[in-house]
N, C-alpha and C. Protein backbone atom coordinates (compact mmCIF):
# COMPACT_ATOMS: atom_id res chain seq x y z
N MET A 1 -18.49 9.99 -10.19
CA MET A 1 -18.20 11.46 -10.36
C MET A 1 -19.50 11.92 -11.35
N VAL A 2 -19.48 13.14 -10.89
CA VAL A 2 -20.55 13.75 -11.58
C VAL A 2 -20.07 13.98 -13.29
N GLU A 3 -21.40 14.20 -13.37
CA GLU A 3 -21.28 14.64 -14.90
C GLU A 3 -19.94 16.12 -15.69
N SER A 4 -20.60 17.03 -15.20
CA SER A 4 -19.68 18.04 -15.44
C SER A 4 -18.03 17.41 -15.33
N GLN A 5 -17.92 17.02 -14.24
CA GLN A 5 -16.35 16.78 -13.73
C GLN A 5 -15.99 15.61 -15.35
N GLN A 6 -16.78 15.03 -15.57
CA GLN A 6 -16.58 13.47 -16.71
C GLN A 6 -16.20 14.41 -18.33
N GLN A 7 -17.03 15.94 -18.48
CA GLN A 7 -16.86 16.61 -19.60
C GLN A 7 -15.39 17.30 -19.46
N ARG A 8 -15.30 17.80 -18.14
CA ARG A 8 -14.15 18.37 -18.51
C ARG A 8 -12.66 17.51 -18.11
N TYR A 9 -12.72 16.33 -18.09
CA TYR A 9 -11.95 15.30 -17.52
C TYR A 9 -11.07 15.05 -19.19
N ASN A 10 -9.69 14.97 -19.30
CA ASN A 10 -8.90 14.91 -20.54
C ASN A 10 -8.50 13.02 -20.27
N PRO A 11 -9.40 12.31 -21.32
CA PRO A 11 -8.88 11.30 -21.06
C PRO A 11 -7.49 10.59 -21.50
N PRO A 12 -7.13 9.72 -20.63
CA PRO A 12 -6.00 9.11 -20.72
C PRO A 12 -5.70 7.95 -22.12
N PRO A 13 -4.70 7.83 -22.52
CA PRO A 13 -4.67 7.14 -23.25
C PRO A 13 -5.41 5.44 -23.71
N VAL A 14 -5.63 5.38 -25.04
CA VAL A 14 -6.55 3.97 -24.81
C VAL A 14 -6.18 2.71 -23.94
N THR A 15 -4.65 3.03 -23.51
CA THR A 15 -4.04 1.49 -22.76
C THR A 15 -3.92 1.64 -21.69
N MET A 16 -5.11 2.45 -21.24
CA MET A 16 -5.27 2.49 -19.11
C MET A 16 -6.58 1.58 -18.95
N PRO A 17 -7.37 0.96 -19.58
CA PRO A 17 -8.28 0.67 -18.86
C PRO A 17 -7.54 -0.19 -17.54
N SER A 18 -6.38 -0.96 -17.75
CA SER A 18 -6.54 -1.86 -17.03
C SER A 18 -6.31 -1.35 -15.70
N TYR A 19 -5.77 -0.05 -16.03
CA TYR A 19 -5.54 1.60 -14.56
C TYR A 19 -6.81 1.62 -13.65
N LEU A 20 -7.70 0.91 -14.39
CA LEU A 20 -8.94 1.40 -13.53
C LEU A 20 -10.04 -0.07 -13.24
N GLN A 21 -9.50 -1.04 -13.46
CA GLN A 21 -10.12 -2.31 -13.07
C GLN A 21 -10.36 -2.42 -12.07
N ALA A 22 -11.39 -3.04 -11.47
CA ALA A 22 -12.16 -3.73 -9.99
C ALA A 22 -11.54 -5.09 -9.94
N THR A 23 -10.58 -5.40 -8.93
CA THR A 23 -10.14 -6.91 -8.37
C THR A 23 -10.83 -7.46 -7.60
N ALA A 24 -10.35 -8.40 -7.34
CA ALA A 24 -10.36 -9.06 -5.78
C ALA A 24 -10.10 -8.23 -4.64
N VAL A 25 -8.93 -7.64 -4.85
CA VAL A 25 -7.98 -6.75 -4.15
C VAL A 25 -8.48 -5.32 -4.00
N ILE A 26 -8.57 -4.63 -5.49
CA ILE A 26 -9.15 -3.10 -5.37
C ILE A 26 -10.53 -3.15 -5.95
N ASP A 27 -10.98 -3.60 -4.99
CA ASP A 27 -12.41 -4.04 -4.99
C ASP A 27 -13.34 -2.43 -5.07
N TRP A 28 -12.97 -1.75 -5.58
CA TRP A 28 -13.57 -0.49 -5.89
C TRP A 28 -15.12 -0.40 -6.04
N GLN A 29 -15.71 -1.32 -6.38
CA GLN A 29 -17.52 -1.55 -6.33
C GLN A 29 -18.06 -1.77 -5.24
N HIS A 30 -17.44 -2.24 -4.39
CA HIS A 30 -17.71 -2.02 -3.01
C HIS A 30 -18.97 -1.21 -2.29
N PRO A 31 -19.78 -1.31 -1.94
CA PRO A 31 -20.75 0.00 -1.63
C PRO A 31 -20.05 0.94 -0.47
N GLU A 32 -19.10 0.70 0.40
CA GLU A 32 -18.60 1.57 1.14
C GLU A 32 -17.38 1.95 0.25
N ILE A 33 -16.90 1.60 -0.56
CA ILE A 33 -15.92 2.24 -1.16
C ILE A 33 -16.47 3.11 -1.76
N LEU A 34 -17.43 2.82 -2.63
CA LEU A 34 -18.23 3.94 -3.42
C LEU A 34 -18.97 4.87 -2.76
N ALA A 35 -19.59 4.74 -1.72
CA ALA A 35 -19.80 6.05 -1.22
C ALA A 35 -19.26 6.74 -0.29
N GLN A 36 -17.50 6.28 0.02
CA GLN A 36 -16.55 7.42 0.34
C GLN A 36 -15.80 8.00 -0.26
N ALA A 37 -15.90 7.11 -1.90
CA ALA A 37 -15.01 8.32 -3.14
C ALA A 37 -16.24 9.02 -3.17
N GLN A 38 -17.61 8.69 -3.19
CA GLN A 38 -18.23 9.87 -3.42
C GLN A 38 -18.32 11.16 -2.71
N ARG A 39 -18.09 10.78 -1.30
CA ARG A 39 -18.23 11.94 -0.32
C ARG A 39 -16.93 12.94 -0.56
N LEU A 40 -15.61 11.70 -0.56
CA LEU A 40 -14.56 12.55 -1.25
C LEU A 40 -14.30 13.36 -1.99
N ALA A 41 -15.08 13.13 -3.21
CA ALA A 41 -15.43 14.00 -4.53
C ALA A 41 -16.48 14.98 -4.45
N SER A 42 -17.07 14.96 -3.60
CA SER A 42 -18.25 16.43 -3.27
C SER A 42 -17.82 17.31 -3.14
N GLY A 43 -18.02 18.34 -4.24
CA GLY A 43 -17.70 19.52 -3.80
C GLY A 43 -16.55 20.15 -5.03
N GLN A 44 -15.76 18.75 -5.37
CA GLN A 44 -14.35 19.34 -5.70
C GLN A 44 -14.96 19.51 -7.57
N THR A 45 -14.01 20.15 -8.13
CA THR A 45 -14.45 20.50 -9.41
C THR A 45 -13.25 20.13 -10.64
N THR A 46 -12.11 19.73 -10.18
CA THR A 46 -11.28 19.13 -11.07
C THR A 46 -11.02 17.74 -10.29
N ILE A 47 -10.32 16.80 -11.69
CA ILE A 47 -9.79 15.93 -11.30
C ILE A 47 -8.87 15.68 -10.20
N GLU A 48 -7.59 17.02 -10.55
CA GLU A 48 -6.51 16.96 -9.50
C GLU A 48 -7.07 17.25 -7.85
N ALA A 49 -8.27 17.74 -7.95
CA ALA A 49 -8.51 18.34 -6.10
C ALA A 49 -9.51 16.83 -5.94
N ILE A 50 -10.25 16.34 -6.79
CA ILE A 50 -10.73 14.84 -6.29
C ILE A 50 -9.34 14.11 -5.58
N ALA A 51 -8.53 13.54 -6.53
CA ALA A 51 -7.19 13.10 -6.20
C ALA A 51 -6.51 13.51 -5.20
N GLN A 52 -6.39 14.68 -5.08
CA GLN A 52 -5.67 15.02 -3.95
C GLN A 52 -6.29 14.83 -2.34
N THR A 53 -7.62 15.00 -2.54
CA THR A 53 -8.74 14.83 -1.34
C THR A 53 -8.72 13.40 -1.07
N CYS A 54 -8.46 12.36 -2.14
CA CYS A 54 -8.55 11.11 -2.12
C CYS A 54 -6.86 10.67 -1.51
N PHE A 55 -6.24 10.96 -1.39
CA PHE A 55 -4.93 10.75 -1.36
C PHE A 55 -4.44 11.45 0.59
N GLU A 56 -4.71 12.70 0.38
CA GLU A 56 -4.57 13.30 2.05
C GLU A 56 -5.54 12.75 2.96
N TRP A 57 -7.02 12.04 2.41
CA TRP A 57 -7.95 11.29 3.47
C TRP A 57 -7.30 9.88 3.70
N VAL A 58 -6.69 9.30 3.31
CA VAL A 58 -6.39 7.82 3.19
C VAL A 58 -4.83 8.07 4.16
N ARG A 59 -4.07 9.18 3.39
CA ARG A 59 -2.87 9.35 4.06
C ARG A 59 -3.00 9.84 6.04
N ASP A 60 -3.85 10.38 6.21
CA ASP A 60 -4.48 11.17 7.32
C ASP A 60 -5.41 9.96 8.15
N GLU A 61 -6.49 9.49 7.17
CA GLU A 61 -7.34 9.17 7.91
C GLU A 61 -7.43 7.44 8.02
N ILE A 62 -6.13 6.85 7.62
CA ILE A 62 -6.29 5.52 7.81
C ILE A 62 -4.85 5.08 8.63
N HIS A 63 -4.51 4.48 9.62
CA HIS A 63 -3.67 4.54 10.63
C HIS A 63 -2.76 3.60 9.71
N HIS A 64 -1.64 3.71 10.16
CA HIS A 64 -0.16 2.97 9.33
C HIS A 64 -0.55 1.68 10.34
N SER A 65 -0.70 0.07 10.18
CA SER A 65 -0.55 -0.57 11.30
C SER A 65 0.92 -1.01 12.40
N PHE A 66 1.82 -0.37 11.48
CA PHE A 66 2.89 -0.73 12.57
C PHE A 66 3.36 0.86 13.41
N ASP A 67 2.82 1.94 12.84
CA ASP A 67 2.88 2.68 13.70
C ASP A 67 2.12 3.45 14.86
N TYR A 68 0.61 2.26 14.48
CA TYR A 68 -0.23 2.55 15.79
C TYR A 68 -0.50 1.15 16.01
N GLN A 69 0.42 0.03 15.70
CA GLN A 69 0.03 -1.09 16.35
C GLN A 69 -1.13 -1.44 16.27
N MET A 70 -1.81 -1.67 15.30
CA MET A 70 -2.80 -2.44 14.66
C MET A 70 -3.31 -3.25 14.52
N ASN A 71 -4.41 -4.16 14.58
CA ASN A 71 -4.52 -5.14 14.51
C ASN A 71 -6.13 -4.86 13.82
N PRO A 72 -6.76 -5.52 12.58
CA PRO A 72 -5.84 -7.02 11.58
C PRO A 72 -4.59 -6.38 10.77
N VAL A 73 -4.32 -7.56 9.95
CA VAL A 73 -3.80 -7.29 8.91
C VAL A 73 -4.61 -7.32 7.44
N THR A 74 -4.78 -6.02 6.84
CA THR A 74 -5.60 -5.71 6.04
C THR A 74 -4.85 -5.81 4.29
N TRP A 75 -5.58 -6.43 3.72
CA TRP A 75 -5.02 -6.29 1.69
C TRP A 75 -5.95 -5.83 0.90
N ARG A 76 -7.40 -6.43 1.52
CA ARG A 76 -8.25 -5.97 0.37
C ARG A 76 -8.91 -4.93 1.11
N ALA A 77 -9.06 -4.02 -0.51
CA ALA A 77 -9.31 -2.56 -0.11
C ALA A 77 -10.17 -2.11 0.49
N SER A 78 -11.61 -2.49 0.51
CA SER A 78 -12.47 -2.62 1.43
C SER A 78 -12.11 -3.04 2.70
N ASP A 79 -11.25 -3.70 3.32
CA ASP A 79 -11.40 -4.93 4.66
C ASP A 79 -10.51 -3.11 5.10
N VAL A 80 -9.38 -2.19 4.15
CA VAL A 80 -8.59 -1.39 4.90
C VAL A 80 -9.61 -0.17 5.24
N LEU A 81 -10.60 -0.20 4.37
CA LEU A 81 -11.73 1.09 4.82
C LEU A 81 -12.48 0.81 6.05
N HIS A 82 -12.92 -0.87 6.10
CA HIS A 82 -13.62 -1.02 7.30
C HIS A 82 -13.09 -0.60 8.86
N HIS A 83 -12.02 -1.45 8.49
CA HIS A 83 -10.70 -1.27 9.62
C HIS A 83 -10.13 0.01 10.14
N LYS A 84 -9.88 0.58 9.19
CA LYS A 84 -9.14 1.62 9.27
C LYS A 84 -7.84 1.66 9.66
N THR A 85 -7.29 0.75 9.26
CA THR A 85 -5.70 0.50 9.05
C THR A 85 -5.54 -0.43 8.06
N GLY A 86 -3.91 -0.18 8.42
CA GLY A 86 -3.22 -1.42 7.00
C GLY A 86 -2.06 -0.39 6.89
N TYR A 87 -0.90 -1.90 6.46
CA TYR A 87 0.30 -1.47 6.23
C TYR A 87 0.25 -0.27 4.78
N CYS A 88 1.79 0.01 4.53
CA CYS A 88 1.54 0.75 3.21
C CYS A 88 0.89 0.61 1.91
N PHE A 89 1.34 -1.00 1.83
CA PHE A 89 0.64 -1.59 0.55
C PHE A 89 -0.89 -1.48 0.51
N ALA A 90 -1.43 -1.78 1.99
CA ALA A 90 -2.87 -1.85 1.87
C ALA A 90 -3.46 -0.44 1.65
N LYS A 91 -2.73 0.38 2.18
CA LYS A 91 -3.30 1.63 2.00
C LYS A 91 -3.07 2.14 0.78
N SER A 92 -2.27 1.73 0.09
CA SER A 92 -2.25 2.08 -1.65
C SER A 92 -2.99 1.12 -2.11
N HIS A 93 -3.32 0.36 -1.63
CA HIS A 93 -4.56 -0.49 -2.30
C HIS A 93 -6.15 -0.07 -1.89
N LEU A 94 -6.69 0.71 -0.88
CA LEU A 94 -7.56 1.36 -0.53
C LEU A 94 -7.60 2.46 -1.66
N LEU A 95 -6.09 3.48 -1.77
CA LEU A 95 -6.64 4.59 -2.48
C LEU A 95 -6.65 4.32 -3.84
N ALA A 96 -6.06 3.51 -4.37
CA ALA A 96 -6.36 3.25 -5.50
C ALA A 96 -7.75 2.60 -6.05
N ALA A 97 -8.30 1.83 -5.04
CA ALA A 97 -9.73 2.26 -4.94
C ALA A 97 -10.26 3.02 -5.07
N LEU A 98 -10.30 3.82 -4.17
CA LEU A 98 -11.43 5.37 -4.11
C LEU A 98 -10.93 6.06 -5.65
N LEU A 99 -9.50 6.23 -6.18
CA LEU A 99 -9.73 6.87 -7.48
C LEU A 99 -10.13 6.22 -8.11
N ARG A 100 -9.90 4.60 -8.22
CA ARG A 100 -10.97 4.38 -9.44
C ARG A 100 -12.43 4.20 -9.50
N ALA A 101 -13.27 4.42 -7.86
CA ALA A 101 -14.51 4.78 -8.05
C ALA A 101 -14.52 5.52 -8.74
N ASN A 102 -14.14 7.17 -8.84
CA ASN A 102 -14.23 8.33 -9.18
C ASN A 102 -13.50 8.35 -10.82
N GLN A 103 -13.84 7.29 -11.10
CA GLN A 103 -12.71 7.04 -12.49
C GLN A 103 -11.92 7.41 -12.88
N ILE A 104 -10.35 7.97 -11.83
CA ILE A 104 -9.10 8.23 -11.85
C ILE A 104 -8.17 7.06 -12.10
N PRO A 105 -7.20 6.93 -13.12
CA PRO A 105 -6.98 5.59 -13.28
C PRO A 105 -5.74 5.73 -12.21
N ALA A 106 -5.49 4.87 -11.55
CA ALA A 106 -3.98 4.49 -10.39
C ALA A 106 -3.56 3.72 -10.53
N GLY A 107 -2.23 2.93 -10.64
CA GLY A 107 -1.48 2.15 -10.01
C GLY A 107 -0.44 2.45 -8.95
N PHE A 108 0.15 0.76 -9.52
CA PHE A 108 1.16 0.84 -7.84
C PHE A 108 2.71 0.70 -8.19
N CYS A 109 3.21 1.15 -7.44
CA CYS A 109 4.85 1.60 -7.29
C CYS A 109 5.17 0.98 -6.28
N TYR A 110 6.58 0.67 -6.02
CA TYR A 110 7.45 -0.04 -5.04
C TYR A 110 8.68 0.72 -4.75
N GLN A 111 9.29 0.88 -3.66
CA GLN A 111 10.67 1.35 -3.38
C GLN A 111 11.17 -0.12 -2.73
N ARG A 112 12.18 -0.51 -2.75
CA ARG A 112 12.89 -1.20 -1.80
C ARG A 112 14.04 -0.48 -0.71
N LEU A 113 14.02 -0.12 0.84
CA LEU A 113 14.34 0.28 1.22
C LEU A 113 14.50 -0.82 2.38
N SER A 114 15.92 -0.05 3.15
CA SER A 114 16.59 -0.79 4.63
C SER A 114 15.64 -0.65 5.40
N ILE A 115 14.89 -1.53 6.47
CA ILE A 115 14.10 -1.83 7.25
C ILE A 115 14.32 -0.36 8.56
N ASP A 116 15.81 -0.82 8.91
CA ASP A 116 16.21 0.01 10.04
C ASP A 116 17.14 1.50 9.89
N ASP A 117 17.12 1.64 7.98
CA ASP A 117 18.13 2.92 7.66
C ASP A 117 19.18 2.21 7.75
N GLN A 118 19.79 1.18 8.21
CA GLN A 118 21.41 0.68 8.24
C GLN A 118 21.84 -0.12 7.62
N GLY A 119 20.75 -0.84 6.60
CA GLY A 119 21.07 -2.02 5.86
C GLY A 119 20.45 -3.04 5.56
N ALA A 120 20.88 -4.06 5.39
CA ALA A 120 20.01 -5.33 5.76
C ALA A 120 19.31 -5.33 6.95
N PRO A 121 18.41 -5.56 7.36
CA PRO A 121 17.34 -6.80 6.03
C PRO A 121 16.58 -5.14 5.24
N TYR A 122 16.09 -5.36 3.97
CA TYR A 122 15.61 -4.95 3.43
C TYR A 122 13.98 -5.42 3.51
N SER A 123 13.24 -4.17 2.68
CA SER A 123 11.68 -4.77 2.35
C SER A 123 11.11 -3.60 1.70
N LEU A 124 10.05 -4.19 1.02
CA LEU A 124 9.56 -3.19 -0.04
C LEU A 124 8.30 -2.50 0.54
N HIS A 125 8.50 -1.05 -0.24
CA HIS A 125 7.62 -0.03 0.25
C HIS A 125 6.49 0.01 -0.64
N GLY A 126 5.21 0.27 -0.75
CA GLY A 126 4.02 0.65 -1.37
C GLY A 126 3.56 1.69 -1.87
N PHE A 127 3.21 2.40 -2.55
CA PHE A 127 2.96 3.45 -2.83
C PHE A 127 1.96 3.49 -4.35
N ASN A 128 1.74 4.61 -4.88
CA ASN A 128 0.74 4.28 -5.54
C ASN A 128 1.23 5.99 -6.83
N ALA A 129 0.48 5.61 -8.09
CA ALA A 129 0.87 6.92 -9.27
C ALA A 129 -0.70 6.59 -9.42
N VAL A 130 -0.78 8.34 -9.74
CA VAL A 130 -1.82 8.53 -10.14
C VAL A 130 -2.20 9.28 -11.83
N TYR A 131 -2.94 9.37 -12.77
CA TYR A 131 -2.73 9.50 -13.64
C TYR A 131 -3.67 11.34 -13.74
N LEU A 132 -2.65 12.19 -13.75
CA LEU A 132 -3.56 13.44 -13.80
C LEU A 132 -3.39 14.20 -15.41
N PRO A 133 -4.57 14.46 -15.77
CA PRO A 133 -4.37 14.98 -17.23
C PRO A 133 -3.71 15.98 -17.93
N ASN A 134 -2.89 17.25 -16.65
CA ASN A 134 -1.90 17.80 -16.80
C ASN A 134 -0.48 17.18 -16.57
N THR A 135 -0.49 16.61 -16.32
CA THR A 135 1.26 15.90 -15.42
C THR A 135 1.16 14.70 -16.22
N GLY A 136 0.41 13.76 -16.18
CA GLY A 136 0.42 12.29 -16.58
C GLY A 136 0.64 11.72 -14.98
N TRP A 137 1.46 10.82 -15.41
CA TRP A 137 1.41 9.67 -14.25
C TRP A 137 2.72 10.62 -12.75
N TYR A 138 1.81 10.57 -11.92
CA TYR A 138 2.08 11.34 -10.71
C TYR A 138 2.66 10.74 -9.74
N ARG A 139 3.33 10.10 -8.74
CA ARG A 139 3.35 9.15 -7.71
C ARG A 139 3.15 10.11 -6.32
N VAL A 140 2.27 9.08 -5.44
CA VAL A 140 2.12 9.69 -4.28
C VAL A 140 2.38 8.77 -3.36
N ASP A 141 2.72 8.87 -2.15
CA ASP A 141 2.72 8.01 -1.05
C ASP A 141 2.00 8.25 -0.22
N PRO A 142 0.66 7.66 0.26
CA PRO A 142 -0.42 7.72 1.79
C PRO A 142 0.27 6.80 2.57
N ARG A 143 1.42 6.58 3.21
CA ARG A 143 1.54 5.79 4.23
C ARG A 143 1.02 6.19 5.56
N GLY A 144 1.32 7.89 5.26
CA GLY A 144 0.99 8.32 6.63
C GLY A 144 2.09 9.05 7.19
N ASN A 145 2.32 10.69 7.41
CA ASN A 145 3.04 11.39 7.71
C ASN A 145 3.49 10.86 9.31
N LYS A 146 4.69 11.64 9.98
CA LYS A 146 5.14 11.24 11.02
C LYS A 146 6.54 12.28 11.12
N PRO A 147 7.24 12.38 12.13
CA PRO A 147 8.32 12.89 12.56
C PRO A 147 9.56 12.35 11.34
N GLY A 148 10.05 13.00 10.45
CA GLY A 148 10.81 12.36 9.40
C GLY A 148 10.47 11.85 8.15
N VAL A 149 8.67 11.98 8.14
CA VAL A 149 8.05 11.41 7.02
C VAL A 149 6.89 12.58 6.48
N ASN A 150 6.97 13.46 5.07
CA ASN A 150 6.24 14.50 5.09
C ASN A 150 5.74 14.22 3.37
N ALA A 151 4.86 12.82 3.10
CA ALA A 151 4.72 13.20 1.80
C ALA A 151 3.36 14.00 1.41
N GLN A 152 3.51 14.44 0.24
CA GLN A 152 2.79 15.59 -0.08
C GLN A 152 1.70 15.39 -1.40
N PHE A 153 0.65 16.24 -1.63
CA PHE A 153 0.57 16.13 -3.27
C PHE A 153 0.53 17.35 -3.90
N SER A 154 1.69 17.48 -4.35
CA SER A 154 2.06 19.07 -4.91
C SER A 154 2.50 18.93 -6.75
N PRO A 155 1.61 18.46 -7.51
CA PRO A 155 2.30 18.01 -8.60
C PRO A 155 2.48 19.78 -9.71
N PRO A 156 3.10 19.45 -10.73
CA PRO A 156 4.29 18.18 -10.88
C PRO A 156 5.39 17.82 -9.81
N GLN A 157 5.75 18.39 -9.13
CA GLN A 157 6.54 18.30 -8.08
C GLN A 157 6.11 16.94 -7.50
N GLU A 158 6.82 15.81 -7.16
CA GLU A 158 7.00 14.91 -6.16
C GLU A 158 7.24 14.74 -4.92
N GLN A 159 7.14 14.49 -3.58
CA GLN A 159 7.32 14.42 -2.49
C GLN A 159 6.74 13.05 -2.25
N LEU A 160 7.57 12.23 -2.31
CA LEU A 160 7.08 10.87 -1.20
C LEU A 160 7.65 10.97 0.00
N ALA A 161 7.81 9.87 0.38
CA ALA A 161 7.75 9.34 2.16
C ALA A 161 9.26 9.32 2.60
N TYR A 162 9.68 8.74 1.45
CA TYR A 162 11.01 8.15 1.60
C TYR A 162 11.84 8.18 0.02
N GLN A 163 13.28 8.42 0.49
CA GLN A 163 14.24 8.57 -0.71
C GLN A 163 15.27 7.42 -0.52
N PRO A 164 15.53 6.97 -1.30
CA PRO A 164 16.62 5.46 -1.14
C PRO A 164 17.85 6.50 -1.03
N GLN A 165 18.45 5.60 0.12
CA GLN A 165 20.28 6.46 0.64
C GLN A 165 21.28 5.28 0.43
N LEU A 166 20.62 4.24 0.00
CA LEU A 166 22.05 3.03 0.09
C LEU A 166 22.25 2.34 -1.41
N LEU A 167 22.84 1.46 -1.34
CA LEU A 167 23.61 0.84 -2.49
C LEU A 167 22.31 -0.02 -3.14
N GLU A 168 22.03 -0.70 -1.72
CA GLU A 168 20.95 -1.66 -2.05
C GLU A 168 19.49 -1.41 -2.33
N GLU A 169 19.25 -0.07 -1.85
CA GLU A 169 17.62 0.65 -2.14
C GLU A 169 17.12 1.09 -3.43
N ALA A 170 16.34 1.17 -3.36
CA ALA A 170 15.74 1.66 -5.15
C ALA A 170 14.46 2.32 -5.23
N THR A 171 14.24 3.53 -5.87
CA THR A 171 12.53 3.45 -6.39
C THR A 171 12.73 2.73 -7.64
N PHE A 172 11.89 2.06 -7.78
CA PHE A 172 11.62 1.31 -9.32
C PHE A 172 10.51 2.03 -9.94
N SER A 173 10.72 2.26 -11.36
CA SER A 173 10.28 2.99 -12.19
C SER A 173 8.69 2.48 -12.73
N ALA A 174 8.31 0.87 -12.57
CA ALA A 174 7.40 1.13 -12.83
C ALA A 174 5.99 1.52 -12.71
N VAL A 175 4.98 1.82 -13.11
CA VAL A 175 3.47 1.93 -12.79
C VAL A 175 3.11 1.11 -13.06
N LEU A 176 2.61 -0.31 -12.16
CA LEU A 176 1.59 -1.77 -12.18
C LEU A 176 0.40 -1.16 -11.95
N PRO A 177 -0.47 -2.03 -13.07
CA PRO A 177 -1.68 -2.36 -12.96
C PRO A 177 -2.30 -2.95 -11.78
N ASP A 178 -1.65 -3.83 -10.74
CA ASP A 178 -1.78 -4.57 -10.14
C ASP A 178 -0.82 -4.71 -9.18
N PRO A 179 -0.93 -4.76 -7.57
CA PRO A 179 -0.56 -5.06 -6.75
C PRO A 179 0.74 -6.37 -7.06
N LEU A 180 2.09 -6.46 -6.49
CA LEU A 180 2.80 -7.74 -6.62
C LEU A 180 2.01 -8.82 -5.91
N SER A 181 1.92 -9.80 -6.48
CA SER A 181 1.44 -10.87 -5.88
C SER A 181 2.30 -11.81 -4.55
N GLU A 182 3.38 -11.09 -4.44
CA GLU A 182 4.28 -11.79 -3.25
C GLU A 182 3.85 -10.67 -2.58
N VAL A 183 3.48 -9.33 -2.74
CA VAL A 183 2.83 -8.22 -1.20
C VAL A 183 1.92 -9.03 -0.73
N ILE A 184 0.77 -9.72 -1.57
CA ILE A 184 -0.72 -9.90 -1.42
C ILE A 184 -0.27 -11.47 -0.18
N THR A 185 0.55 -12.09 -0.84
CA THR A 185 0.85 -13.59 -0.14
C THR A 185 1.16 -13.04 1.12
N ALA A 186 2.60 -11.59 0.97
CA ALA A 186 2.60 -11.48 2.64
C ALA A 186 1.93 -11.23 3.71
N LEU A 187 0.67 -10.56 3.16
CA LEU A 187 -0.18 -9.75 3.47
C LEU A 187 -1.39 -10.56 4.15
N GLN A 188 -1.76 -11.76 3.22
CA GLN A 188 -2.94 -12.84 3.58
C GLN A 188 -2.15 -13.83 4.47
N SER A 189 -0.76 -13.66 4.54
CA SER A 189 0.08 -14.79 5.51
C SER A 189 -0.02 -14.67 7.10
N GLN A 190 -0.11 -13.44 7.12
CA GLN A 190 -0.57 -12.25 8.58
C GLN A 190 -1.39 -12.13 9.14
N THR A 191 -1.52 -12.20 10.54
CA THR A 191 -2.76 -11.69 11.56
C THR A 191 -2.45 -10.87 11.98
N THR A 192 -1.49 -10.19 12.15
CA THR A 192 -0.98 -9.42 13.58
C THR A 192 -0.13 -8.69 13.03
N TRP A 193 -0.01 -7.40 13.54
CA TRP A 193 0.90 -6.12 12.61
C TRP A 193 2.30 -6.22 13.43
N ASP A 194 2.50 -6.89 14.44
CA ASP A 194 4.09 -7.27 14.81
C ASP A 194 4.33 -8.81 13.92
N ALA A 195 3.69 -10.01 13.73
CA ALA A 195 4.32 -10.81 12.59
C ALA A 195 4.03 -10.24 11.22
N MET A 196 3.11 -9.45 10.71
CA MET A 196 4.25 -8.95 9.67
C MET A 196 4.90 -8.01 9.61
N TRP A 197 5.52 -7.34 10.61
CA TRP A 197 6.76 -6.32 10.54
C TRP A 197 8.00 -7.57 10.47
N GLN A 198 7.45 -8.79 11.20
CA GLN A 198 8.85 -9.82 10.92
C GLN A 198 9.10 -10.11 9.60
N ASN A 199 8.01 -10.02 9.05
CA ASN A 199 7.78 -11.13 7.05
C ASN A 199 7.52 -9.90 6.55
N LEU A 200 8.13 -8.58 6.40
CA LEU A 200 8.17 -7.85 5.29
C LEU A 200 8.67 -8.59 4.02
N PRO A 201 7.94 -7.99 3.06
CA PRO A 201 8.06 -8.78 1.23
C PRO A 201 9.26 -7.66 1.14
N ASP A 202 10.29 -8.67 -0.01
CA ASP A 202 11.51 -8.12 -0.30
C ASP A 202 11.69 -8.61 -1.54
N ILE A 203 12.29 -7.99 -2.54
CA ILE A 203 12.62 -8.20 -3.78
C ILE A 203 14.38 -7.70 -3.90
N GLU A 204 15.27 -8.28 -4.34
CA GLU A 204 16.66 -7.95 -4.26
C GLU A 204 16.64 -7.25 -5.99
N LEU A 205 17.40 -6.33 -6.01
CA LEU A 205 17.56 -5.43 -6.98
C LEU A 205 17.90 -6.19 -8.17
N GLY A 206 18.69 -7.50 -8.30
CA GLY A 206 18.81 -8.42 -8.78
C GLY A 206 17.70 -9.01 -9.68
N GLU A 207 16.84 -8.93 -9.16
CA GLU A 207 15.47 -9.59 -9.51
C GLU A 207 14.24 -8.69 -9.89
N ALA A 208 14.49 -7.47 -9.80
CA ALA A 208 13.15 -6.60 -10.17
C ALA A 208 13.05 -6.47 -11.17
N GLN A 209 13.96 -6.97 -12.55
CA GLN A 209 13.47 -6.78 -13.83
C GLN A 209 12.64 -7.83 -14.08
N ARG A 210 13.00 -8.61 -13.65
CA ARG A 210 11.93 -10.04 -13.63
C ARG A 210 10.25 -9.81 -12.85
N TYR A 211 10.53 -8.91 -11.92
CA TYR A 211 9.01 -9.01 -11.50
C TYR A 211 8.29 -7.41 -12.18
N GLY A 212 8.96 -7.12 -13.21
CA GLY A 212 8.23 -5.93 -14.23
C GLY A 212 8.47 -4.58 -13.31
N LEU A 213 9.30 -4.36 -12.40
CA LEU A 213 9.68 -3.67 -11.59
C LEU A 213 10.32 -2.20 -12.18
N ILE A 214 11.17 -2.38 -12.90
CA ILE A 214 11.93 -1.50 -13.65
C ILE A 214 11.88 -1.63 -15.24
N GLN A 215 10.71 -1.71 -15.20
CA GLN A 215 9.99 -1.70 -16.64
C GLN A 215 9.38 -0.17 -16.90
N SER A 216 9.41 0.78 -17.26
CA SER A 216 9.00 2.15 -17.35
C SER A 216 7.63 2.22 -18.44
N HIS A 217 6.43 2.08 -17.47
CA HIS A 217 5.22 2.75 -18.27
C HIS A 217 4.98 3.75 -18.88
N ARG A 218 5.50 4.00 -20.06
CA ARG A 218 5.27 5.66 -20.58
C ARG A 218 3.73 5.70 -21.10
N LEU A 219 2.67 5.80 -20.58
CA LEU A 219 1.49 6.01 -21.00
C LEU A 219 0.89 7.25 -21.19
N ASN A 220 1.73 8.43 -20.36
CA ASN A 220 1.43 9.55 -20.76
C ASN A 220 2.09 10.47 -22.14
């Protein structure tokens, strides 16, 4: 991020460093991610504009593995960028990496949704929250739009890809600094998009608190 943008940036609370860290999954210090983050930030003058550009690029330019029936199954942010494909979880990893590379705090959010909209089986769905100076935590879903799915960036109004409709579905309140380990394990255990579709990770509602999914991180 250029110096003038940093000067205008309203710093988040001191409890935020974990939402900027580089990890084995969110490897935002990778040269390709740094280069792409710089390209996306070029010409933008506000944190909101950079965040929107990063979100829309991941949403539109990285192919959802199921929609496009694309391999391999990716999990590390730099691999999602390299292969230009990923499940919702992987796309959220890349978006977090691009945001963090621009020194914008980003975290991970989850829903529990019916796979066929009819009930069981259920699976987790992953997306992001970004910390915006004038809004606080703002949730965005880079899954990829298609008929019936229309996620947008329009703070302070959230427009996610999905809204829970059934009793066993939920949007969890937590903004986590790291992806769920169950999600990473699932992604690492499969090599093809169709195998991943048959083994999507799920956490029952009764277990959500144990996984930290219903803890509200009010950092704003």
